[in-house]
């Protein structure tokens, strides 16, 4: 068994819909990693009202908006 704090984060990518503490615990147990006991509960509460599918799909959207804004500023002569 390996110890990793990234396990709950990775499990969000695997779980298709609702992220719950029970689902996180089952997945982490199946994979065979060791994490702090509070982590599944913490992640489940943090993601309770979050649409994880849109979160994953839009992960680079803010960076792209910032790059476009910088290009626009450069086109106008601002540095």
C-alpha atoms as a PDB file:
ATOM      1  CA  UNK A   1       0.000   0.000   0.000  1.00  0.00           C
ATOM      2  CA  UNK A   2       1.173   3.479  -0.783  1.00  0.00           C
ATOM      3  CA  UNK A   3       0.524   6.712   1.047  1.00  0.00           C
ATOM      4  CA  UNK A   4      -0.617   9.603  -1.104  1.00  0.00           C
ATOM      5  CA  UNK A   5      -2.533  12.790  -0.454  1.00  0.00           C
ATOM      6  CA  UNK A   6      -3.513  13.036  -4.142  1.00  0.00           C
ATOM      7  CA  UNK A   7      -5.805  10.001  -3.933  1.00  0.00           C
ATOM      8  CA  UNK A   8      -9.012  11.936  -3.185  1.00  0.00           C
ATOM      9  CA  UNK A   9      -8.243  14.369  -6.007  1.00  0.00           C
ATOM     10  CA  UNK A  10      -7.601  11.537  -8.464  1.00  0.00           C
ATOM     11  CA  UNK A  11     -10.743   9.740  -7.369  1.00  0.00           C
ATOM     12  CA  UNK A  12     -12.839  12.759  -8.385  1.00  0.00           C
ATOM     13  CA  UNK A  13     -11.691  12.116 -11.947  1.00  0.00           C
ATOM     14  CA  UNK A  14     -12.846   8.504 -11.685  1.00  0.00           C
ATOM     15  CA  UNK A  15     -16.211   8.973  -9.968  1.00  0.00           C
ATOM     16  CA  UNK A  16     -18.750   9.841 -12.657  1.00  0.00           C
ATOM     17  CA  UNK A  17     -21.421  11.821 -10.853  1.00  0.00           C
ATOM     18  CA  UNK A  18     -21.871  12.650  -7.223  1.00  0.00           C
ATOM     19  CA  UNK A  19     -18.779  12.540  -5.024  1.00  0.00           C
ATOM     20  CA  UNK A  20     -19.670  11.198  -1.587  1.00  0.00           C
ATOM     21  CA  UNK A  21     -17.580  10.144   1.374  1.00  0.00           C
ATOM     22  CA  UNK A  22     -18.734   6.521   0.973  1.00  0.00           C
ATOM     23  CA  UNK A  23     -17.797   6.437  -2.713  1.00  0.00           C
ATOM     24  CA  UNK A  24     -14.412   7.990  -2.002  1.00  0.00           C
ATOM     25  CA  UNK A  25     -13.705   5.505   0.795  1.00  0.00           C
ATOM     26  CA  UNK A  26     -14.726   2.549  -1.382  1.00  0.00           C
ATOM     27  CA  UNK A  27     -12.569   3.676  -4.278  1.00  0.00           C
ATOM     28  CA  UNK A  28      -9.555   4.434  -2.099  1.00  0.00           C
ATOM     29  CA  UNK A  29      -9.889   1.051  -0.354  1.00  0.00           C
ATOM     30  CA  UNK A  30     -10.173  -0.739  -3.719  1.00  0.00           C
ATOM     31  CA  UNK A  31      -7.077   0.981  -5.066  1.00  0.00           C
ATOM     32  CA  UNK A  32      -5.182   0.138  -1.895  1.00  0.00           C
ATOM     33  CA  UNK A  33      -3.763   3.475  -0.859  1.00  0.00           C
ATOM     34  CA  UNK A  34      -3.472   4.892   2.623  1.00  0.00           C
ATOM     35  CA  UNK A  35      -4.643   8.411   3.321  1.00  0.00           C
ATOM     36  CA  UNK A  36      -5.546  10.436   6.382  1.00  0.00           C
ATOM     37  CA  UNK A  37      -8.998   9.403   7.636  1.00  0.00           C
ATOM     38  CA  UNK A  38     -10.420  12.931   7.345  1.00  0.00           C
ATOM     39  CA  UNK A  39      -9.599  13.376   3.642  1.00  0.00           C
ATOM     40  CA  UNK A  40     -12.656  11.645   2.064  1.00  0.00           C
ATOM     41  CA  UNK A  41     -15.034  13.591   4.286  1.00  0.00           C
ATOM     42  CA  UNK A  42     -13.225  16.855   3.578  1.00  0.00           C
ATOM     43  CA  UNK A  43     -13.310  16.373  -0.188  1.00  0.00           C
ATOM     44  CA  UNK A  44     -16.928  15.203  -0.192  1.00  0.00           C
ATOM     45  CA  UNK A  45     -18.001  18.291   1.739  1.00  0.00           C
ATOM     46  CA  UNK A  46     -15.911  20.597  -0.461  1.00  0.00           C
ATOM     47  CA  UNK A  47     -17.448  19.153  -3.626  1.00  0.00           C
ATOM     48  CA  UNK A  48     -21.017  18.818  -2.314  1.00  0.00           C
ATOM     49  CA  UNK A  49     -22.417  21.693  -4.399  1.00  0.00           C
ATOM     50  CA  UNK A  50     -19.909  21.585  -7.243  1.00  0.00           C
ATOM     51  CA  UNK A  51     -20.580  20.163 -10.698  1.00  0.00           C
ATOM     52  CA  UNK A  52     -17.395  18.114 -11.026  1.00  0.00           C
ATOM     53  CA  UNK A  53     -17.969  17.467 -14.736  1.00  0.00           C
ATOM     54  CA  UNK A  54     -17.955  21.185 -15.562  1.00  0.00           C
ATOM     55  CA  UNK A  55     -15.039  21.704 -13.184  1.00  0.00           C
ATOM     56  CA  UNK A  56     -12.968  19.138 -15.053  1.00  0.00           C
ATOM     57  CA  UNK A  57     -14.038  20.341 -18.508  1.00  0.00           C
ATOM     58  CA  UNK A  58     -13.312  23.996 -17.748  1.00  0.00           C
ATOM     59  CA  UNK A  59     -10.000  23.536 -15.985  1.00  0.00           C
ATOM     60  CA  UNK A  60      -8.052  25.528 -18.598  1.00  0.00           C
ATOM     61  CA  UNK A  61     -10.742  28.071 -19.434  1.00  0.00           C
ATOM     62  CA  UNK A  62      -9.529  30.764 -17.026  1.00  0.00           C
ATOM     63  CA  UNK A  63      -5.950  30.473 -18.276  1.00  0.00           C
ATOM     64  CA  UNK A  64      -7.147  30.813 -21.871  1.00  0.00           C
ATOM     65  CA  UNK A  65      -9.200  33.915 -20.997  1.00  0.00           C
ATOM     66  CA  UNK A  66      -6.160  35.481 -19.343  1.00  0.00           C
ATOM     67  CA  UNK A  67      -3.950  34.761 -22.364  1.00  0.00           C
ATOM     68  CA  UNK A  68      -6.555  36.283 -24.711  1.00  0.00           C
ATOM     69  CA  UNK A  69      -6.768  39.367 -22.509  1.00  0.00           C
ATOM     70  CA  UNK A  70      -2.978  39.760 -22.553  1.00  0.00           C
ATOM     71  CA  UNK A  71      -2.936  39.442 -26.368  1.00  0.00           C
ATOM     72  CA  UNK A  72      -5.645  42.085 -26.613  1.00  0.00           C
ATOM     73  CA  UNK A  73      -3.670  44.430 -24.346  1.00  0.00           C
ATOM     74  CA  UNK A  74      -0.528  43.891 -26.423  1.00  0.00           C
ATOM     75  CA  UNK A  75      -2.423  44.654 -29.644  1.00  0.00           C
ATOM     76  CA  UNK A  76      -3.444  48.002 -28.168  1.00  0.00           C
ATOM     77  CA  UNK A  77       0.139  48.896 -27.269  1.00  0.00           C
ATOM     78  CA  UNK A  78      -0.111  48.215 -23.523  1.00  0.00           C
ATOM     79  CA  UNK A  79       2.745  46.316 -21.885  1.00  0.00           C
END
